[in-house]
Amino acid sequence: MKIVDNTGDTQIRFIFQKDWVSGDSLYLKIRSRSTNKVHTEDLTNAGVIDLNQDRNYYSYLMPLSVKNAAGIVENNYYDVTLSDGFGILYTRETLFCTNQIILPQTNVLYDPNENQYKEHTTNNEFIILE
């Protein structure tokens, strides 16, 4: 699963199931799991897919315009597929959109209840008898 936000461009790394040659047809499909809406982008001549030096993943800089066209909103899941014009699948991935800052190295993780509840502190000491 890849985590994206809906505020700017996002770098996404994909591991392809087979080699893709630059210039061959490549289509990005984004399907919302909540609305079942599908958005397709033609990445064939866009020059936005780069193979890294070790040849083990492809990088794609997803621009905000694609996110807006696909209707990517916060707290939703999306299915992403990259395939050629003949329907041959290169990769399939799940995206989750959140604007929360997530840093697994420092244990700052996603909180579905962030800013939903207010915590109140008090000096009252109540005794509850059951």
N, C-alpha and C. Protein backbone atom coordinates (compact mmCIF):
# COMPACT_ATOMS: atom_id res chain seq x y z
N MET A 1 0.84 -1.17 0.00
CA MET A 1 0.00 0.00 0.00
C MET A 1 0.89 1.24 0.00
N LYS A 2 0.50 2.18 -0.84
CA LYS A 2 1.21 3.45 -0.94
C LYS A 2 0.34 4.53 -0.29
N ILE A 3 0.98 5.45 0.42
CA ILE A 3 0.26 6.53 1.08
C ILE A 3 0.53 7.82 0.34
N VAL A 4 -0.53 8.52 -0.02
CA VAL A 4 -0.43 9.79 -0.74
C VAL A 4 -1.23 10.85 0.00
N ASP A 5 -0.95 12.11 -0.31
CA ASP A 5 -1.79 13.18 0.22
C ASP A 5 -2.49 13.84 -0.96
N ASN A 6 -3.42 14.74 -0.66
CA ASN A 6 -4.13 15.39 -1.76
C ASN A 6 -3.78 16.88 -1.85
N THR A 7 -2.58 17.23 -1.39
CA THR A 7 -2.20 18.64 -1.38
C THR A 7 -1.11 18.99 -2.38
N GLY A 8 -0.45 18.04 -2.98
CA GLY A 8 0.62 18.36 -3.92
C GLY A 8 1.06 17.13 -4.69
N ASP A 9 2.17 17.26 -5.39
CA ASP A 9 2.72 16.13 -6.14
C ASP A 9 3.27 15.08 -5.18
N THR A 10 3.19 13.81 -5.58
CA THR A 10 3.64 12.70 -4.73
C THR A 10 4.49 11.74 -5.54
N GLN A 11 5.66 11.41 -5.02
CA GLN A 11 6.55 10.42 -5.64
C GLN A 11 6.09 9.03 -5.21
N ILE A 12 5.80 8.15 -6.20
CA ILE A 12 5.37 6.79 -5.92
C ILE A 12 6.32 5.83 -6.62
N ARG A 13 6.72 4.79 -5.91
CA ARG A 13 7.59 3.77 -6.50
C ARG A 13 6.78 2.51 -6.76
N PHE A 14 6.89 2.00 -7.99
CA PHE A 14 6.20 0.78 -8.39
C PHE A 14 7.21 -0.29 -8.75
N ILE A 15 6.92 -1.52 -8.38
CA ILE A 15 7.71 -2.67 -8.83
C ILE A 15 6.90 -3.35 -9.91
N PHE A 16 7.43 -3.36 -11.12
CA PHE A 16 6.72 -3.95 -12.25
C PHE A 16 6.92 -5.45 -12.29
N GLN A 17 5.90 -6.17 -12.76
CA GLN A 17 5.98 -7.62 -12.89
C GLN A 17 6.80 -8.03 -14.11
N LYS A 18 6.91 -7.16 -15.07
CA LYS A 18 7.73 -7.43 -16.26
C LYS A 18 8.38 -6.13 -16.68
N ASP A 19 9.42 -6.22 -17.49
CA ASP A 19 10.13 -5.02 -17.93
C ASP A 19 9.26 -4.18 -18.86
N TRP A 20 9.33 -2.90 -18.66
CA TRP A 20 8.64 -1.95 -19.51
C TRP A 20 9.68 -1.14 -20.25
N VAL A 21 9.50 -0.97 -21.54
CA VAL A 21 10.43 -0.23 -22.37
C VAL A 21 9.88 1.18 -22.57
N SER A 22 10.69 2.17 -22.27
CA SER A 22 10.25 3.55 -22.44
C SER A 22 9.79 3.78 -23.88
N GLY A 23 8.63 4.37 -24.03
CA GLY A 23 8.04 4.57 -25.35
C GLY A 23 6.91 3.61 -25.63
N ASP A 24 6.88 2.46 -24.95
CA ASP A 24 5.75 1.54 -25.08
C ASP A 24 4.54 2.15 -24.39
N SER A 25 3.36 1.73 -24.81
CA SER A 25 2.15 2.29 -24.21
C SER A 25 2.07 1.94 -22.72
N LEU A 26 1.60 2.89 -21.94
CA LEU A 26 1.47 2.69 -20.49
C LEU A 26 0.30 3.54 -20.01
N TYR A 27 -0.65 2.86 -19.35
CA TYR A 27 -1.85 3.53 -18.86
C TYR A 27 -1.97 3.34 -17.36
N LEU A 28 -2.29 4.43 -16.68
CA LEU A 28 -2.51 4.43 -15.24
C LEU A 28 -4.01 4.51 -15.01
N LYS A 29 -4.55 3.52 -14.28
CA LYS A 29 -5.97 3.54 -13.91
C LYS A 29 -6.07 3.67 -12.41
N ILE A 30 -6.88 4.64 -11.97
CA ILE A 30 -7.13 4.86 -10.55
C ILE A 30 -8.62 4.66 -10.32
N ARG A 31 -8.96 3.69 -9.45
CA ARG A 31 -10.37 3.42 -9.14
C ARG A 31 -10.62 3.67 -7.66
N SER A 32 -11.61 4.49 -7.37
CA SER A 32 -11.98 4.78 -6.00
C SER A 32 -12.77 3.60 -5.45
N ARG A 33 -12.38 3.12 -4.27
CA ARG A 33 -13.12 2.02 -3.65
C ARG A 33 -14.45 2.49 -3.07
N SER A 34 -14.58 3.76 -2.78
CA SER A 34 -15.83 4.25 -2.18
C SER A 34 -16.88 4.61 -3.24
N THR A 35 -16.45 5.17 -4.36
CA THR A 35 -17.41 5.59 -5.39
C THR A 35 -17.37 4.71 -6.64
N ASN A 36 -16.35 3.87 -6.75
CA ASN A 36 -16.14 3.00 -7.92
C ASN A 36 -15.89 3.80 -9.20
N LYS A 37 -15.53 5.07 -9.06
CA LYS A 37 -15.20 5.91 -10.21
C LYS A 37 -13.80 5.56 -10.70
N VAL A 38 -13.63 5.43 -12.03
CA VAL A 38 -12.34 5.08 -12.62
C VAL A 38 -11.82 6.26 -13.44
N HIS A 39 -10.55 6.59 -13.22
CA HIS A 39 -9.88 7.62 -14.00
C HIS A 39 -8.67 6.99 -14.67
N THR A 40 -8.49 7.26 -15.97
CA THR A 40 -7.37 6.69 -16.73
C THR A 40 -6.49 7.81 -17.27
N GLU A 41 -5.17 7.63 -17.09
CA GLU A 41 -4.18 8.57 -17.61
C GLU A 41 -3.27 7.84 -18.59
N ASP A 42 -2.99 8.44 -19.72
CA ASP A 42 -2.05 7.90 -20.69
C ASP A 42 -0.66 8.42 -20.35
N LEU A 43 0.21 7.53 -19.90
CA LEU A 43 1.57 7.92 -19.51
C LEU A 43 2.60 7.57 -20.58
N THR A 44 2.16 7.16 -21.75
CA THR A 44 3.07 6.66 -22.78
C THR A 44 4.16 7.65 -23.14
N ASN A 45 3.80 8.86 -23.49
CA ASN A 45 4.79 9.84 -23.93
C ASN A 45 4.97 10.97 -22.92
N ALA A 46 4.48 10.76 -21.72
CA ALA A 46 4.54 11.83 -20.72
C ALA A 46 5.94 11.99 -20.12
N GLY A 47 6.77 10.96 -20.20
CA GLY A 47 8.11 11.04 -19.64
C GLY A 47 8.12 11.13 -18.13
N VAL A 48 7.12 10.54 -17.48
CA VAL A 48 7.00 10.67 -16.03
C VAL A 48 7.36 9.40 -15.28
N ILE A 49 7.60 8.30 -16.00
CA ILE A 49 8.01 7.05 -15.37
C ILE A 49 9.51 6.89 -15.56
N ASP A 50 10.24 6.76 -14.46
CA ASP A 50 11.69 6.62 -14.52
C ASP A 50 12.11 5.32 -13.86
N LEU A 51 13.05 4.63 -14.49
CA LEU A 51 13.64 3.42 -13.93
C LEU A 51 14.83 3.83 -13.08
N ASN A 52 14.88 3.35 -11.84
CA ASN A 52 15.99 3.75 -10.97
C ASN A 52 17.28 3.04 -11.39
N GLN A 53 18.37 3.44 -10.80
CA GLN A 53 19.69 2.94 -11.20
C GLN A 53 19.84 1.44 -11.00
N ASP A 54 19.23 0.88 -9.94
CA ASP A 54 19.37 -0.54 -9.67
C ASP A 54 18.40 -1.40 -10.47
N ARG A 55 17.54 -0.77 -11.24
CA ARG A 55 16.55 -1.47 -12.08
C ARG A 55 15.62 -2.37 -11.26
N ASN A 56 15.27 -1.95 -10.05
CA ASN A 56 14.35 -2.77 -9.28
C ASN A 56 13.02 -2.09 -9.01
N TYR A 57 12.87 -0.82 -9.36
CA TYR A 57 11.57 -0.18 -9.27
C TYR A 57 11.49 1.00 -10.24
N TYR A 58 10.26 1.40 -10.52
CA TYR A 58 10.00 2.55 -11.37
C TYR A 58 9.41 3.65 -10.51
N SER A 59 9.82 4.87 -10.75
CA SER A 59 9.32 6.02 -9.99
C SER A 59 8.34 6.81 -10.85
N TYR A 60 7.28 7.24 -10.21
CA TYR A 60 6.27 8.07 -10.88
C TYR A 60 5.95 9.26 -9.99
N LEU A 61 6.07 10.45 -10.52
CA LEU A 61 5.70 11.65 -9.79
C LEU A 61 4.26 11.98 -10.16
N MET A 62 3.33 11.62 -9.25
CA MET A 62 1.91 11.85 -9.51
C MET A 62 1.60 13.32 -9.23
N PRO A 63 1.26 14.08 -10.28
CA PRO A 63 0.98 15.50 -10.07
C PRO A 63 -0.39 15.73 -9.44
N LEU A 64 -0.55 16.89 -8.85
CA LEU A 64 -1.81 17.25 -8.22
C LEU A 64 -2.95 17.25 -9.23
N SER A 65 -2.67 17.58 -10.47
CA SER A 65 -3.71 17.61 -11.50
C SER A 65 -4.31 16.22 -11.73
N VAL A 66 -3.49 15.17 -11.67
CA VAL A 66 -3.99 13.80 -11.81
C VAL A 66 -4.82 13.42 -10.59
N LYS A 67 -4.36 13.81 -9.41
CA LYS A 67 -5.12 13.52 -8.18
C LYS A 67 -6.49 14.19 -8.22
N ASN A 68 -6.51 15.44 -8.68
CA ASN A 68 -7.78 16.16 -8.77
C ASN A 68 -8.70 15.53 -9.81
N ALA A 69 -8.15 15.16 -10.96
CA ALA A 69 -8.96 14.54 -12.02
C ALA A 69 -9.52 13.19 -11.57
N ALA A 70 -8.76 12.46 -10.76
CA ALA A 70 -9.21 11.15 -10.27
C ALA A 70 -10.13 11.28 -9.06
N GLY A 71 -10.23 12.48 -8.51
CA GLY A 71 -11.10 12.70 -7.36
C GLY A 71 -10.54 12.14 -6.07
N ILE A 72 -9.21 12.16 -5.92
CA ILE A 72 -8.59 11.62 -4.71
C ILE A 72 -8.86 12.55 -3.53
N VAL A 73 -9.51 11.98 -2.51
CA VAL A 73 -9.84 12.74 -1.30
C VAL A 73 -9.30 12.01 -0.08
N GLU A 74 -9.18 12.76 1.00
CA GLU A 74 -8.59 12.22 2.22
C GLU A 74 -9.43 11.10 2.83
N ASN A 75 -8.73 10.15 3.45
CA ASN A 75 -9.33 9.00 4.17
C ASN A 75 -10.07 8.04 3.25
N ASN A 76 -9.59 7.87 2.03
CA ASN A 76 -10.17 6.92 1.09
C ASN A 76 -9.10 6.04 0.48
N TYR A 77 -9.52 4.85 0.04
CA TYR A 77 -8.63 3.89 -0.61
C TYR A 77 -8.88 3.91 -2.11
N TYR A 78 -7.80 3.63 -2.86
CA TYR A 78 -7.88 3.62 -4.32
C TYR A 78 -7.08 2.43 -4.84
N ASP A 79 -7.60 1.79 -5.89
CA ASP A 79 -6.88 0.72 -6.58
C ASP A 79 -6.21 1.33 -7.80
N VAL A 80 -4.92 1.06 -7.95
CA VAL A 80 -4.14 1.61 -9.06
C VAL A 80 -3.57 0.46 -9.87
N THR A 81 -3.72 0.54 -11.18
CA THR A 81 -3.10 -0.45 -12.07
C THR A 81 -2.34 0.29 -13.16
N LEU A 82 -1.21 -0.27 -13.53
CA LEU A 82 -0.44 0.21 -14.67
C LEU A 82 -0.40 -0.92 -15.68
N SER A 83 -0.88 -0.66 -16.88
CA SER A 83 -0.93 -1.69 -17.92
C SER A 83 -0.64 -1.06 -19.27
N ASP A 84 -0.42 -1.91 -20.27
CA ASP A 84 -0.18 -1.39 -21.61
C ASP A 84 -1.50 -1.32 -22.38
N GLY A 85 -1.44 -0.95 -23.64
CA GLY A 85 -2.64 -0.80 -24.45
C GLY A 85 -3.35 -2.10 -24.74
N PHE A 86 -2.68 -3.24 -24.54
CA PHE A 86 -3.29 -4.54 -24.82
C PHE A 86 -3.83 -5.20 -23.56
N GLY A 87 -3.77 -4.49 -22.44
CA GLY A 87 -4.29 -5.02 -21.19
C GLY A 87 -3.30 -5.85 -20.40
N ILE A 88 -2.04 -5.88 -20.82
CA ILE A 88 -1.02 -6.62 -20.07
C ILE A 88 -0.68 -5.83 -18.82
N LEU A 89 -0.84 -6.44 -17.67
CA LEU A 89 -0.66 -5.78 -16.39
C LEU A 89 0.82 -5.70 -16.02
N TYR A 90 1.27 -4.49 -15.67
CA TYR A 90 2.64 -4.31 -15.18
C TYR A 90 2.67 -4.34 -13.66
N THR A 91 1.71 -3.69 -13.04
CA THR A 91 1.66 -3.69 -11.58
C THR A 91 0.27 -3.29 -11.11
N ARG A 92 -0.03 -3.68 -9.89
CA ARG A 92 -1.28 -3.33 -9.23
C ARG A 92 -0.93 -2.90 -7.81
N GLU A 93 -1.54 -1.83 -7.35
CA GLU A 93 -1.20 -1.27 -6.04
C GLU A 93 -2.43 -0.64 -5.41
N THR A 94 -2.38 -0.46 -4.10
CA THR A 94 -3.43 0.22 -3.36
C THR A 94 -2.87 1.54 -2.84
N LEU A 95 -3.66 2.60 -3.01
CA LEU A 95 -3.30 3.91 -2.48
C LEU A 95 -4.24 4.25 -1.33
N PHE A 96 -3.70 4.92 -0.33
CA PHE A 96 -4.53 5.48 0.74
C PHE A 96 -4.17 6.95 0.84
N CYS A 97 -5.18 7.80 0.86
CA CYS A 97 -4.96 9.24 0.91
C CYS A 97 -5.15 9.76 2.32
N THR A 98 -4.14 10.43 2.84
CA THR A 98 -4.21 11.10 4.13
C THR A 98 -3.27 12.30 4.11
N ASN A 99 -3.67 13.35 4.80
CA ASN A 99 -2.82 14.53 4.91
C ASN A 99 -2.05 14.55 6.22
N GLN A 100 -2.17 13.49 7.00
CA GLN A 100 -1.40 13.39 8.24
C GLN A 100 0.06 13.12 7.92
N ILE A 101 0.93 13.62 8.78
CA ILE A 101 2.36 13.34 8.63
C ILE A 101 2.64 11.97 9.23
N ILE A 102 3.23 11.09 8.44
CA ILE A 102 3.51 9.73 8.87
C ILE A 102 5.01 9.50 8.78
N LEU A 103 5.63 9.21 9.92
CA LEU A 103 7.07 8.95 9.98
C LEU A 103 7.29 7.64 10.74
N PRO A 104 7.30 6.49 10.06
CA PRO A 104 7.45 5.22 10.77
C PRO A 104 8.77 5.09 11.52
N GLN A 105 9.81 5.82 11.08
CA GLN A 105 11.11 5.73 11.74
C GLN A 105 11.03 6.25 13.18
N THR A 106 10.19 7.25 13.41
CA THR A 106 10.06 7.84 14.74
C THR A 106 8.74 7.46 15.40
N ASN A 107 8.05 6.48 14.85
CA ASN A 107 6.80 5.94 15.40
C ASN A 107 5.66 6.96 15.38
N VAL A 108 5.68 7.87 14.42
CA VAL A 108 4.55 8.76 14.19
C VAL A 108 3.70 8.10 13.12
N LEU A 109 2.58 7.50 13.54
CA LEU A 109 1.78 6.68 12.65
C LEU A 109 0.43 7.34 12.37
N TYR A 110 -0.30 6.76 11.44
CA TYR A 110 -1.63 7.26 11.07
C TYR A 110 -2.59 7.05 12.23
N ASP A 111 -3.36 8.07 12.54
CA ASP A 111 -4.37 8.00 13.60
C ASP A 111 -5.72 8.35 12.99
N PRO A 112 -6.63 7.39 12.87
CA PRO A 112 -7.93 7.69 12.24
C PRO A 112 -8.78 8.66 13.06
N ASN A 113 -8.46 8.84 14.33
CA ASN A 113 -9.24 9.74 15.19
C ASN A 113 -8.55 11.07 15.45
N GLU A 114 -7.53 11.39 14.66
CA GLU A 114 -6.81 12.63 14.88
C GLU A 114 -7.74 13.83 14.76
N ASN A 115 -7.70 14.72 15.74
CA ASN A 115 -8.51 15.94 15.79
C ASN A 115 -10.02 15.67 15.85
N GLN A 116 -10.42 14.47 16.21
CA GLN A 116 -11.83 14.14 16.32
C GLN A 116 -12.36 14.30 17.74
N TYR A 117 -11.51 14.12 18.71
CA TYR A 117 -11.92 14.16 20.11
C TYR A 117 -11.08 15.18 20.87
N LYS A 118 -11.72 15.79 21.86
CA LYS A 118 -11.00 16.73 22.72
C LYS A 118 -10.73 16.06 24.05
N GLU A 119 -9.53 16.23 24.53
CA GLU A 119 -9.16 15.66 25.82
C GLU A 119 -9.20 16.76 26.87
N HIS A 120 -9.90 16.50 27.97
CA HIS A 120 -10.01 17.46 29.05
C HIS A 120 -9.31 16.91 30.28
N THR A 121 -8.52 17.75 30.90
CA THR A 121 -7.88 17.35 32.15
C THR A 121 -8.56 18.09 33.30
N THR A 122 -8.64 17.44 34.45
CA THR A 122 -9.30 18.03 35.61
C THR A 122 -8.60 17.58 36.88
N ASN A 123 -8.81 18.31 37.92
CA ASN A 123 -8.26 17.96 39.22
C ASN A 123 -9.28 17.22 40.08
N ASN A 124 -10.47 17.02 39.60
CA ASN A 124 -11.50 16.32 40.35
C ASN A 124 -11.12 14.85 40.52
N GLU A 125 -11.34 14.33 41.69
CA GLU A 125 -11.08 12.92 41.93
C GLU A 125 -12.41 12.27 42.31
N PHE A 126 -12.97 11.58 41.37
CA PHE A 126 -14.24 10.92 41.59
C PHE A 126 -13.99 9.48 42.01
N ILE A 127 -14.83 9.00 42.89
CA ILE A 127 -14.79 7.59 43.29
C ILE A 127 -16.05 6.95 42.72
N ILE A 128 -15.85 5.92 41.96
CA ILE A 128 -16.99 5.23 41.37
C ILE A 128 -17.19 3.91 42.11
N LEU A 129 -18.40 3.73 42.66
CA LEU A 129 -18.74 2.50 43.37
C LEU A 129 -19.61 1.65 42.48
N GLU A 130 -19.29 0.40 42.42
CA GLU A 130 -20.10 -0.50 41.60
C GLU A 130 -20.90 -1.41 42.47
